């Protein structure tokens, strides 16, 4: 089940980029195309909670590398900051493994969204040949202009966290109830 949910997260990331692809458009035309409304942050958090630490950090990076291969690579500085932010979110998930509660998962998701926003936008501003001037006003402009994307990041992270964690917890509950009922009938 966990690997299916991880695969789901990967598919949803690339789905946003194939609405106009000749062969794949009929499949992905029904998926939302909202900038930064992506599952990778939730996938990193989810992997941190349910996988061993080594895999928890590798799975989101592998999903990013593979999907970036299909979507296209971009500024290496920004790309490194994106990958680093997902590593940090995976570490937040590793902490959640022993502190799992609805409030902590929501807080971890919001902290992950904030980490991604702060780290990646700082890198966009600081990277060589940045569109923004290397001044305080340039940094402020970079963050202010990114606020609509931040809103989408938070919305996407919370949606996919609810989807991934909710599906996992619901399936565990159903399996537990099924086996509990099965044990009662055999006694």
C-alpha atoms as a PDB file:
ATOM      1  CA  UNK A   1       0.000   0.000   0.000  1.00  0.00           C
ATOM      2  CA  UNK A   2       2.786   2.433   0.912  1.00  0.00           C
ATOM      3  CA  UNK A   3       4.550   1.963  -2.420  1.00  0.00           C
ATOM      4  CA  UNK A   4       1.297   2.445  -4.308  1.00  0.00           C
ATOM      5  CA  UNK A   5       0.764   5.757  -2.507  1.00  0.00           C
ATOM      6  CA  UNK A   6       4.323   6.817  -3.321  1.00  0.00           C
ATOM      7  CA  UNK A   7       3.747   5.938  -6.975  1.00  0.00           C
ATOM      8  CA  UNK A   8       0.521   7.958  -6.841  1.00  0.00           C
ATOM      9  CA  UNK A   9       2.489  10.973  -5.595  1.00  0.00           C
ATOM     10  CA  UNK A  10       4.979  10.641  -8.445  1.00  0.00           C
ATOM     11  CA  UNK A  11       2.227  10.354 -11.079  1.00  0.00           C
ATOM     12  CA  UNK A  12       0.440  13.393  -9.700  1.00  0.00           C
ATOM     13  CA  UNK A  13       3.636  15.459  -9.966  1.00  0.00           C
ATOM     14  CA  UNK A  14       4.186  14.675 -13.609  1.00  0.00           C
ATOM     15  CA  UNK A  15       0.459  14.917 -14.415  1.00  0.00           C
ATOM     16  CA  UNK A  16       0.622  18.696 -14.086  1.00  0.00           C
ATOM     17  CA  UNK A  17       3.038  18.863 -16.998  1.00  0.00           C
ATOM     18  CA  UNK A  18       1.427  16.664 -19.644  1.00  0.00           C
ATOM     19  CA  UNK A  19      -1.873  18.412 -20.370  1.00  0.00           C
ATOM     20  CA  UNK A  20      -0.660  19.338 -23.855  1.00  0.00           C
ATOM     21  CA  UNK A  21       1.321  16.181 -24.667  1.00  0.00           C
ATOM     22  CA  UNK A  22      -0.102  14.492 -27.755  1.00  0.00           C
ATOM     23  CA  UNK A  23      -0.146  10.936 -26.367  1.00  0.00           C
ATOM     24  CA  UNK A  24      -0.625  11.621 -22.666  1.00  0.00           C
ATOM     25  CA  UNK A  25      -3.131  14.499 -22.766  1.00  0.00           C
ATOM     26  CA  UNK A  26      -6.185  12.191 -22.820  1.00  0.00           C
ATOM     27  CA  UNK A  27      -4.972  10.553 -19.612  1.00  0.00           C
ATOM     28  CA  UNK A  28      -3.852  13.680 -17.764  1.00  0.00           C
ATOM     29  CA  UNK A  29      -6.463  16.145 -19.062  1.00  0.00           C
ATOM     30  CA  UNK A  30      -8.654  15.466 -16.043  1.00  0.00           C
ATOM     31  CA  UNK A  31      -5.955  16.260 -13.486  1.00  0.00           C
ATOM     32  CA  UNK A  32      -5.772  19.787 -12.071  1.00  0.00           C
ATOM     33  CA  UNK A  33      -3.062  22.033 -13.478  1.00  0.00           C
ATOM     34  CA  UNK A  34      -2.357  24.351 -10.554  1.00  0.00           C
ATOM     35  CA  UNK A  35       1.203  25.702 -10.165  1.00  0.00           C
ATOM     36  CA  UNK A  36       2.911  24.364  -6.998  1.00  0.00           C
ATOM     37  CA  UNK A  37      -0.093  22.200  -6.114  1.00  0.00           C
ATOM     38  CA  UNK A  38       2.099  19.113  -6.042  1.00  0.00           C
ATOM     39  CA  UNK A  39       2.402  15.950  -3.945  1.00  0.00           C
ATOM     40  CA  UNK A  40       6.165  15.770  -3.413  1.00  0.00           C
ATOM     41  CA  UNK A  41       6.211  17.643  -0.086  1.00  0.00           C
ATOM     42  CA  UNK A  42       3.479  15.353   1.235  1.00  0.00           C
ATOM     43  CA  UNK A  43       5.313  12.370  -0.244  1.00  0.00           C
ATOM     44  CA  UNK A  44       8.507  13.366   1.592  1.00  0.00           C
ATOM     45  CA  UNK A  45       6.606  13.757   4.869  1.00  0.00           C
ATOM     46  CA  UNK A  46       4.737  10.476   4.338  1.00  0.00           C
ATOM     47  CA  UNK A  47       7.944   8.620   3.453  1.00  0.00           C
ATOM     48  CA  UNK A  48       9.619   9.978   6.582  1.00  0.00           C
ATOM     49  CA  UNK A  49       6.825   8.598   8.751  1.00  0.00           C
ATOM     50  CA  UNK A  50       6.356   5.172   7.165  1.00  0.00           C
ATOM     51  CA  UNK A  51       9.696   4.178   5.649  1.00  0.00           C
ATOM     52  CA  UNK A  52      13.151   3.518   7.062  1.00  0.00           C
ATOM     53  CA  UNK A  53      15.167   6.739   7.245  1.00  0.00           C
ATOM     54  CA  UNK A  54      17.411   5.868   4.270  1.00  0.00           C
ATOM     55  CA  UNK A  55      14.415   5.207   2.019  1.00  0.00           C
ATOM     56  CA  UNK A  56      12.469   8.101   3.484  1.00  0.00           C
ATOM     57  CA  UNK A  57      15.112  10.467   2.130  1.00  0.00           C
ATOM     58  CA  UNK A  58      15.780   8.622  -1.129  1.00  0.00           C
ATOM     59  CA  UNK A  59      12.204   8.070  -2.326  1.00  0.00           C
ATOM     60  CA  UNK A  60      11.220  11.755  -2.691  1.00  0.00           C
ATOM     61  CA  UNK A  61      14.579  12.531  -4.335  1.00  0.00           C
ATOM     62  CA  UNK A  62      14.166   9.628  -6.732  1.00  0.00           C
ATOM     63  CA  UNK A  63      10.638  10.796  -7.551  1.00  0.00           C
ATOM     64  CA  UNK A  64      12.017  14.298  -8.205  1.00  0.00           C
ATOM     65  CA  UNK A  65      14.903  13.118 -10.387  1.00  0.00           C
ATOM     66  CA  UNK A  66      12.718  10.813 -12.455  1.00  0.00           C
ATOM     67  CA  UNK A  67       9.934  13.353 -12.840  1.00  0.00           C
ATOM     68  CA  UNK A  68      12.425  16.151 -13.606  1.00  0.00           C
ATOM     69  CA  UNK A  69      13.791  13.936 -16.354  1.00  0.00           C
ATOM     70  CA  UNK A  70      10.317  13.934 -17.947  1.00  0.00           C
ATOM     71  CA  UNK A  71       9.391  17.511 -17.065  1.00  0.00           C
ATOM     72  CA  UNK A  72      12.770  19.092 -17.703  1.00  0.00           C
ATOM     73  CA  UNK A  73      15.680  20.199 -15.579  1.00  0.00           C
ATOM     74  CA  UNK A  74      16.103  23.843 -14.594  1.00  0.00           C
ATOM     75  CA  UNK A  75      18.480  26.224 -12.820  1.00  0.00           C
ATOM     76  CA  UNK A  76      20.887  23.963 -10.885  1.00  0.00           C
ATOM     77  CA  UNK A  77      20.988  26.261  -7.847  1.00  0.00           C
ATOM     78  CA  UNK A  78      17.233  26.361  -7.561  1.00  0.00           C
ATOM     79  CA  UNK A  79      17.000  22.647  -8.271  1.00  0.00           C
ATOM     80  CA  UNK A  80      19.464  21.929  -5.435  1.00  0.00           C
ATOM     81  CA  UNK A  81      17.385  24.058  -3.043  1.00  0.00           C
ATOM     82  CA  UNK A  82      14.200  22.235  -4.069  1.00  0.00           C
ATOM     83  CA  UNK A  83      15.833  18.855  -3.448  1.00  0.00           C
ATOM     84  CA  UNK A  84      17.302  20.053  -0.130  1.00  0.00           C
ATOM     85  CA  UNK A  85      13.892  21.264   1.012  1.00  0.00           C
ATOM     86  CA  UNK A  86      12.420  17.819   0.346  1.00  0.00           C
ATOM     87  CA  UNK A  87      15.252  16.205   2.308  1.00  0.00           C
ATOM     88  CA  UNK A  88      14.407  18.493   5.228  1.00  0.00           C
ATOM     89  CA  UNK A  89      10.707  17.622   4.902  1.00  0.00           C
ATOM     90  CA  UNK A  90      11.686  13.931   4.953  1.00  0.00           C
ATOM     91  CA  UNK A  91      13.566  14.567   8.208  1.00  0.00           C
ATOM     92  CA  UNK A  92      10.478  16.268   9.628  1.00  0.00           C
ATOM     93  CA  UNK A  93       8.583  13.100   8.687  1.00  0.00           C
ATOM     94  CA  UNK A  94      11.233  10.973  10.425  1.00  0.00           C
ATOM     95  CA  UNK A  95      10.615  12.983  13.586  1.00  0.00           C
ATOM     96  CA  UNK A  96       6.852  12.504  13.134  1.00  0.00           C
ATOM     97  CA  UNK A  97       7.316   8.733  13.086  1.00  0.00           C
ATOM     98  CA  UNK A  98       7.547   8.750  16.888  1.00  0.00           C
ATOM     99  CA  UNK A  99       5.267  11.758  17.419  1.00  0.00           C
ATOM    100  CA  UNK A 100       2.404  10.951  15.047  1.00  0.00           C
ATOM    101  CA  UNK A 101      -0.834  12.793  15.715  1.00  0.00           C
ATOM    102  CA  UNK A 102      -3.205  14.706  13.476  1.00  0.00           C
ATOM    103  CA  UNK A 103      -1.991  18.038  14.882  1.00  0.00           C
ATOM    104  CA  UNK A 104       1.683  17.109  14.430  1.00  0.00           C
ATOM    105  CA  UNK A 105       1.093  15.900  10.874  1.00  0.00           C
ATOM    106  CA  UNK A 106      -0.685  19.131   9.935  1.00  0.00           C
ATOM    107  CA  UNK A 107       2.050  21.156  11.666  1.00  0.00           C
ATOM    108  CA  UNK A 108       4.736  19.122   9.892  1.00  0.00           C
ATOM    109  CA  UNK A 109       3.033  19.741   6.574  1.00  0.00           C
ATOM    110  CA  UNK A 110       2.866  23.495   7.200  1.00  0.00           C
ATOM    111  CA  UNK A 111       6.489  23.562   8.379  1.00  0.00           C
ATOM    112  CA  UNK A 112       7.464  21.690   5.207  1.00  0.00           C
ATOM    113  CA  UNK A 113       5.585  24.190   3.033  1.00  0.00           C
ATOM    114  CA  UNK A 114       7.280  27.074   4.825  1.00  0.00           C
ATOM    115  CA  UNK A 115      10.709  25.429   4.499  1.00  0.00           C
ATOM    116  CA  UNK A 116      10.188  24.959   0.768  1.00  0.00           C
ATOM    117  CA  UNK A 117       8.992  28.563   0.321  1.00  0.00           C
ATOM    118  CA  UNK A 118      11.807  30.188   2.310  1.00  0.00           C
ATOM    119  CA  UNK A 119      14.643  28.039   0.960  1.00  0.00           C
ATOM    120  CA  UNK A 120      13.699  27.975  -2.717  1.00  0.00           C
ATOM    121  CA  UNK A 121      12.781  31.637  -2.999  1.00  0.00           C
ATOM    122  CA  UNK A 122      15.941  32.721  -1.217  1.00  0.00           C
ATOM    123  CA  UNK A 123      17.872  30.652  -3.751  1.00  0.00           C
ATOM    124  CA  UNK A 124      15.946  32.178  -6.671  1.00  0.00           C
ATOM    125  CA  UNK A 125      16.994  35.604  -5.368  1.00  0.00           C
ATOM    126  CA  UNK A 126      20.603  34.666  -4.516  1.00  0.00           C
ATOM    127  CA  UNK A 127      21.390  32.563  -7.611  1.00  0.00           C
ATOM    128  CA  UNK A 128      23.736  33.994 -10.228  1.00  0.00           C
ATOM    129  CA  UNK A 129      21.887  35.743 -13.051  1.00  0.00           C
ATOM    130  CA  UNK A 130      18.793  36.092 -10.880  1.00  0.00           C
ATOM    131  CA  UNK A 131      15.890  38.072 -12.227  1.00  0.00           C
ATOM    132  CA  UNK A 132      15.861  39.929  -8.908  1.00  0.00           C
ATOM    133  CA  UNK A 133      18.481  42.516  -7.904  1.00  0.00           C
ATOM    134  CA  UNK A 134      20.772  41.394  -5.094  1.00  0.00           C
ATOM    135  CA  UNK A 135      19.315  43.975  -2.699  1.00  0.00           C
ATOM    136  CA  UNK A 136      16.941  43.848   0.251  1.00  0.00           C
ATOM    137  CA  UNK A 137      14.173  45.190  -2.000  1.00  0.00           C
ATOM    138  CA  UNK A 138      14.967  42.472  -4.542  1.00  0.00           C
ATOM    139  CA  UNK A 139      14.689  39.813  -1.828  1.00  0.00           C
ATOM    140  CA  UNK A 140      11.396  41.251  -0.594  1.00  0.00           C
ATOM    141  CA  UNK A 141      10.054  41.385  -4.171  1.00  0.00           C
ATOM    142  CA  UNK A 142      11.054  37.760  -4.686  1.00  0.00           C
ATOM    143  CA  UNK A 143       9.113  36.616  -1.629  1.00  0.00           C
ATOM    144  CA  UNK A 144       6.103  38.862  -2.249  1.00  0.00           C
ATOM    145  CA  UNK A 145       5.734  37.741  -5.873  1.00  0.00           C
ATOM    146  CA  UNK A 146       5.955  34.107  -4.732  1.00  0.00           C
ATOM    147  CA  UNK A 147       3.060  34.392  -2.251  1.00  0.00           C
ATOM    148  CA  UNK A 148       0.401  33.060  -4.690  1.00  0.00           C
ATOM    149  CA  UNK A 149       2.600  30.001  -5.270  1.00  0.00           C
ATOM    150  CA  UNK A 150       3.059  29.630  -1.505  1.00  0.00           C
ATOM    151  CA  UNK A 151      -0.718  29.513  -1.083  1.00  0.00           C
ATOM    152  CA  UNK A 152      -0.854  26.721  -3.691  1.00  0.00           C
ATOM    153  CA  UNK A 153       2.043  24.892  -1.999  1.00  0.00           C
ATOM    154  CA  UNK A 154       0.245  24.934   1.342  1.00  0.00           C
ATOM    155  CA  UNK A 155      -3.036  23.843  -0.261  1.00  0.00           C
ATOM    156  CA  UNK A 156      -1.365  21.066  -2.238  1.00  0.00           C
ATOM    157  CA  UNK A 157       0.677  19.836   0.708  1.00  0.00           C
ATOM    158  CA  UNK A 158      -2.356  19.716   3.001  1.00  0.00           C
ATOM    159  CA  UNK A 159      -4.498  18.038   0.329  1.00  0.00           C
ATOM    160  CA  UNK A 160      -1.923  15.364  -0.468  1.00  0.00           C
ATOM    161  CA  UNK A 161      -0.995  14.854   3.196  1.00  0.00           C
ATOM    162  CA  UNK A 162      -4.682  14.231   3.934  1.00  0.00           C
ATOM    163  CA  UNK A 163      -4.906  11.911   0.918  1.00  0.00           C
ATOM    164  CA  UNK A 164      -1.745   9.896   1.639  1.00  0.00           C
ATOM    165  CA  UNK A 165      -2.008   9.687   5.424  1.00  0.00           C
ATOM    166  CA  UNK A 166      -5.786   9.298   5.348  1.00  0.00           C
ATOM    167  CA  UNK A 167      -5.631   6.461   2.823  1.00  0.00           C
ATOM    168  CA  UNK A 168      -2.902   4.681   4.781  1.00  0.00           C
ATOM    169  CA  UNK A 169      -4.651   5.029   8.132  1.00  0.00           C
ATOM    170  CA  UNK A 170      -8.040   4.037   6.688  1.00  0.00           C
ATOM    171  CA  UNK A 171      -6.592   0.952   4.997  1.00  0.00           C
ATOM    172  CA  UNK A 172      -4.819  -0.045   8.240  1.00  0.00           C
ATOM    173  CA  UNK A 173      -8.095   0.382  10.146  1.00  0.00           C
ATOM    174  CA  UNK A 174     -10.038  -1.732   7.632  1.00  0.00           C
ATOM    175  CA  UNK A 175      -7.413  -4.492   7.645  1.00  0.00           C
ATOM    176  CA  UNK A 176      -7.322  -4.473  11.446  1.00  0.00           C
ATOM    177  CA  UNK A 177     -11.124  -4.730  11.648  1.00  0.00           C
ATOM    178  CA  UNK A 178     -11.188  -7.506   9.039  1.00  0.00           C
ATOM    179  CA  UNK A 179      -8.629  -9.627  10.902  1.00  0.00           C
ATOM    180  CA  UNK A 180     -10.284  -8.918  14.265  1.00  0.00           C
ATOM    181  CA  UNK A 181     -13.614 -10.120  12.837  1.00  0.00           C
ATOM    182  CA  UNK A 182     -11.942 -13.127  11.231  1.00  0.00           C
ATOM    183  CA  UNK A 183     -10.359 -14.109  14.583  1.00  0.00           C
ATOM    184  CA  UNK A 184     -13.752 -13.851  16.304  1.00  0.00           C
ATOM    185  CA  UNK A 185     -15.383 -16.187  13.784  1.00  0.00           C
ATOM    186  CA  UNK A 186     -12.630 -18.813  14.170  1.00  0.00           C
ATOM    187  CA  UNK A 187     -12.800 -18.898  17.960  1.00  0.00           C
END
